[in-house]
Each structure stands twice: as structure tokens, then as C-alpha cells.
Amino acid sequence: MQKNIFLTACILGFLAVFMGAFGAHVLNLEQAANNIYKTASSYHFYSVFLIFTIGLLEKYLKFKYYKIAFYSSFFGIIIFSGSLYLLSVTNLRWLGAITPIGGLLLAFSFITLYLGFKSKS
């Protein structure tokens, strides 16, 4: 599973750089939409480091928590950043209601990591 986590982190990292560059150099968004896009891009990029870190922690966590931390951070990026990317380019305001679910999943990743460390020791 560790190899898959690193592969996923690499793909998501590529997409984070690509989406950031795309937003900065191709899209011509109004200020408010541009701020939303930058938030999506920033959290996307930060969360890639979370996934890389999870990949490195395999031997320090119980496998159940390792998997949960990975999947919650993966889907957290997709839902949080994905909804903000879409919101910024489509202006569909209902997408903003989905964003906190992704944020909760990202936060849950950290709680899961703590529980995984605690249960392993």
C-alpha cells in the first residue's frame, strides 16, 4: 500500500502544481473567484505533503489507521479543493456547501494519525 500512497501523492502533487499554474497563467478570474481558486490550490498542495507523510509512517501506525488516514486525506483533497476549483470557475454557489466535508476529512486524517500512533505504542 505504501507504494500506492506515494504514487497517489506524486500524481496529486503534479496536479497541484499544474492547477496552480493554470489558475495563475490561463484563467482570468475576478478577484473573489481568484481568491477561492488560490485557497483550493494552496490546500491541495499542502495536503500532498500530508499524504507523503502518511506514506512514510506505515511502520509507526496500525494498518487500519494508516488506511483510514490515507483515504480521508485523499478524499478530503478531492472534495475540499475540487469543490473550490469548480466554485471559482463556475460560480455555482451550492458547491460551497460541499467544501466543509472535505475540510472535515482532512482534519480527520490528523486525528486518525494520532489514534494510529497511540494504538501502536
C-alpha atoms as a PDB file:
ATOM      1  CA  MET A   1       0.000   0.000   0.000  1.00  0.00           C
ATOM      2  CA  GLN A   2       2.900   2.361   0.705  1.00  0.00           C
ATOM      3  CA  LYS A   3       3.908   2.361  -2.973  1.00  0.00           C
ATOM      4  CA  ASN A   4       0.330   3.271  -3.969  1.00  0.00           C
ATOM      5  CA  ILE A   5       0.266   6.097  -1.440  1.00  0.00           C
ATOM      6  CA  PHE A   6       3.497   7.538  -2.825  1.00  0.00           C
ATOM      7  CA  LEU A   7       2.206   7.197  -6.382  1.00  0.00           C
ATOM      8  CA  THR A   8      -1.022   8.952  -5.399  1.00  0.00           C
ATOM      9  CA  ALA A   9       0.948  11.731  -3.689  1.00  0.00           C
ATOM     10  CA  CYS A  10       3.080  12.188  -6.816  1.00  0.00           C
ATOM     11  CA  ILE A  11       0.026  12.410  -9.061  1.00  0.00           C
ATOM     12  CA  LEU A  12      -1.746  14.805  -6.706  1.00  0.00           C
ATOM     13  CA  GLY A  13       1.446  16.873  -6.408  1.00  0.00           C
ATOM     14  CA  PHE A  14       1.701  17.137 -10.193  1.00  0.00           C
ATOM     15  CA  LEU A  15      -1.946  18.181 -10.339  1.00  0.00           C
ATOM     16  CA  ALA A  16      -1.400  20.762  -7.569  1.00  0.00           C
ATOM     17  CA  VAL A  17       1.431  22.399  -9.494  1.00  0.00           C
ATOM     18  CA  PHE A  18      -0.492  22.163 -12.769  1.00  0.00           C
ATOM     19  CA  MET A  19      -3.698  23.610 -11.303  1.00  0.00           C
ATOM     20  CA  GLY A  20      -1.778  26.425  -9.600  1.00  0.00           C
ATOM     21  CA  ALA A  21      -0.008  27.352 -12.825  1.00  0.00           C
ATOM     22  CA  PHE A  22      -3.232  27.017 -14.808  1.00  0.00           C
ATOM     23  CA  GLY A  23      -5.017  29.362 -12.418  1.00  0.00           C
ATOM     24  CA  ALA A  24      -2.189  31.881 -12.427  1.00  0.00           C
ATOM     25  CA  HIS A  25      -1.444  31.948 -16.141  1.00  0.00           C
ATOM     26  CA  VAL A  26      -4.509  30.789 -18.058  1.00  0.00           C
ATOM     27  CA  LEU A  27      -7.641  31.613 -16.116  1.00  0.00           C
ATOM     28  CA  ASN A  28      -8.733  35.205 -15.950  1.00  0.00           C
ATOM     29  CA  LEU A  29     -10.917  35.196 -12.849  1.00  0.00           C
ATOM     30  CA  GLU A  30     -12.380  38.123 -10.951  1.00  0.00           C
ATOM     31  CA  GLN A  31     -10.728  38.886  -7.631  1.00  0.00           C
ATOM     32  CA  ALA A  32     -13.194  36.936  -5.441  1.00  0.00           C
ATOM     33  CA  ALA A  33     -13.091  33.864  -7.672  1.00  0.00           C
ATOM     34  CA  ASN A  34      -9.300  34.095  -7.895  1.00  0.00           C
ATOM     35  CA  ASN A  35      -9.055  34.109  -4.083  1.00  0.00           C
ATOM     36  CA  ILE A  36     -11.216  30.971  -3.932  1.00  0.00           C
ATOM     37  CA  TYR A  37      -9.047  29.317  -6.578  1.00  0.00           C
ATOM     38  CA  LYS A  38      -5.872  30.194  -4.650  1.00  0.00           C
ATOM     39  CA  THR A  39      -7.338  28.682  -1.488  1.00  0.00           C
ATOM     40  CA  ALA A  40      -8.117  25.477  -3.380  1.00  0.00           C
ATOM     41  CA  SER A  41      -4.625  25.377  -4.839  1.00  0.00           C
ATOM     42  CA  SER A  42      -2.909  26.066  -1.509  1.00  0.00           C
ATOM     43  CA  TYR A  43      -4.793  23.409   0.435  1.00  0.00           C
ATOM     44  CA  HIS A  44      -4.343  20.963  -2.443  1.00  0.00           C
ATOM     45  CA  PHE A  45      -0.573  21.483  -2.327  1.00  0.00           C
ATOM     46  CA  TYR A  46      -0.317  21.344   1.488  1.00  0.00           C
ATOM     47  CA  SER A  47      -2.341  18.156   1.590  1.00  0.00           C
ATOM     48  CA  VAL A  48       0.028  16.430  -0.816  1.00  0.00           C
ATOM     49  CA  PHE A  49       2.666  16.698   1.915  1.00  0.00           C
ATOM     50  CA  LEU A  50       0.206  15.137   4.339  1.00  0.00           C
ATOM     51  CA  ILE A  51      -0.196  12.154   2.023  1.00  0.00           C
ATOM     52  CA  PHE A  52       3.580  11.817   1.567  1.00  0.00           C
ATOM     53  CA  THR A  53       3.946  11.894   5.357  1.00  0.00           C
ATOM     54  CA  ILE A  54       1.284   9.233   5.790  1.00  0.00           C
ATOM     55  CA  GLY A  55       3.204   7.087   3.310  1.00  0.00           C
ATOM     56  CA  LEU A  56       6.341   7.411   5.435  1.00  0.00           C
ATOM     57  CA  LEU A  57       4.539   6.436   8.645  1.00  0.00           C
ATOM     58  CA  GLU A  58       3.478   2.910   7.647  1.00  0.00           C
ATOM     59  CA  LYS A  59       5.564   1.107  10.274  1.00  0.00           C
ATOM     60  CA  TYR A  60       4.536   3.514  13.042  1.00  0.00           C
ATOM     61  CA  LEU A  61       0.763   3.117  12.710  1.00  0.00           C
ATOM     62  CA  LYS A  62      -1.680   0.263  12.944  1.00  0.00           C
ATOM     63  CA  PHE A  63      -2.618  -0.630   9.377  1.00  0.00           C
ATOM     64  CA  LYS A  64      -6.297   0.187   9.905  1.00  0.00           C
ATOM     65  CA  TYR A  65      -5.458   3.757  10.921  1.00  0.00           C
ATOM     66  CA  TYR A  66      -2.875   4.034   8.155  1.00  0.00           C
ATOM     67  CA  LYS A  67      -5.512   3.246   5.547  1.00  0.00           C
ATOM     68  CA  ILE A  68      -8.143   5.491   7.107  1.00  0.00           C
ATOM     69  CA  ALA A  69      -5.703   8.423   7.315  1.00  0.00           C
ATOM     70  CA  PHE A  70      -4.769   7.989   3.665  1.00  0.00           C
ATOM     71  CA  TYR A  71      -8.305   7.666   2.340  1.00  0.00           C
ATOM     72  CA  SER A  72      -9.679  10.519   4.416  1.00  0.00           C
ATOM     73  CA  SER A  73      -6.880  12.830   3.263  1.00  0.00           C
ATOM     74  CA  PHE A  74      -7.248  11.700  -0.368  1.00  0.00           C
ATOM     75  CA  PHE A  75     -10.999  12.281  -0.445  1.00  0.00           C
ATOM     76  CA  GLY A  76     -10.532  15.447   1.624  1.00  0.00           C
ATOM     77  CA  ILE A  77      -8.367  16.915  -1.136  1.00  0.00           C
ATOM     78  CA  ILE A  78     -10.806  15.838  -3.837  1.00  0.00           C
ATOM     79  CA  ILE A  79     -13.843  17.256  -2.051  1.00  0.00           C
ATOM     80  CA  PHE A  80     -12.289  20.370  -0.476  1.00  0.00           C
ATOM     81  CA  SER A  81     -10.061  21.587  -3.280  1.00  0.00           C
ATOM     82  CA  GLY A  82     -12.195  20.110  -6.036  1.00  0.00           C
ATOM     83  CA  SER A  83     -15.321  21.912  -4.899  1.00  0.00           C
ATOM     84  CA  LEU A  84     -13.410  25.190  -4.571  1.00  0.00           C
ATOM     85  CA  TYR A  85     -11.805  24.820  -8.004  1.00  0.00           C
ATOM     86  CA  LEU A  86     -15.238  24.232  -9.508  1.00  0.00           C
ATOM     87  CA  LEU A  87     -16.840  27.032  -7.494  1.00  0.00           C
ATOM     88  CA  SER A  88     -14.241  29.535  -8.655  1.00  0.00           C
ATOM     89  CA  VAL A  89     -14.694  28.785 -12.360  1.00  0.00           C
ATOM     90  CA  THR A  90     -18.455  28.067 -12.458  1.00  0.00           C
ATOM     91  CA  ASN A  91     -19.768  30.344  -9.688  1.00  0.00           C
ATOM     92  CA  LEU A  92     -22.186  27.581  -8.634  1.00  0.00           C
ATOM     93  CA  ARG A  93     -22.640  28.665  -5.012  1.00  0.00           C
ATOM     94  CA  TRP A  94     -24.069  25.318  -3.847  1.00  0.00           C
ATOM     95  CA  LEU A  95     -20.558  23.853  -4.269  1.00  0.00           C
ATOM     96  CA  GLY A  96     -19.536  25.901  -1.236  1.00  0.00           C
ATOM     97  CA  ALA A  97     -21.784  23.683   0.877  1.00  0.00           C
ATOM     98  CA  ILE A  98     -19.700  20.628  -0.041  1.00  0.00           C
ATOM     99  CA  THR A  99     -16.329  22.183   0.809  1.00  0.00           C
ATOM    100  CA  PRO A 100     -16.549  21.753   4.618  1.00  0.00           C
ATOM    101  CA  ILE A 101     -16.986  17.994   4.169  1.00  0.00           C
ATOM    102  CA  GLY A 102     -13.562  17.898   2.542  1.00  0.00           C
ATOM    103  CA  GLY A 103     -12.144  20.049   5.314  1.00  0.00           C
ATOM    104  CA  LEU A 104     -13.529  17.690   7.929  1.00  0.00           C
ATOM    105  CA  LEU A 105     -11.979  14.730   6.134  1.00  0.00           C
ATOM    106  CA  LEU A 106      -8.608  16.466   6.094  1.00  0.00           C
ATOM    107  CA  ALA A 107      -8.877  17.272   9.804  1.00  0.00           C
ATOM    108  CA  PHE A 108      -9.977  13.692  10.484  1.00  0.00           C
ATOM    109  CA  SER A 109      -6.740  12.484   8.863  1.00  0.00           C
ATOM    110  CA  PHE A 110      -4.758  14.120  11.638  1.00  0.00           C
ATOM    111  CA  ILE A 111      -6.982  12.646  14.347  1.00  0.00           C
ATOM    112  CA  THR A 112      -6.604   9.235  12.729  1.00  0.00           C
ATOM    113  CA  LEU A 113      -2.828   9.606  12.668  1.00  0.00           C
ATOM    114  CA  TYR A 114      -2.838  10.369  16.382  1.00  0.00           C
ATOM    115  CA  LEU A 115      -5.044   7.373  17.122  1.00  0.00           C
ATOM    116  CA  GLY A 116      -2.825   5.179  14.955  1.00  0.00           C
ATOM    117  CA  PHE A 117       0.289   6.231  16.868  1.00  0.00           C
ATOM    118  CA  LYS A 118      -1.447   5.804  20.193  1.00  0.00           C
ATOM    119  CA  SER A 119      -2.731   2.310  19.407  1.00  0.00           C
ATOM    120  CA  LYS A 120       0.644   1.148  18.017  1.00  0.00           C
ATOM    121  CA  SER A 121       2.586   2.118  21.153  1.00  0.00           C
END
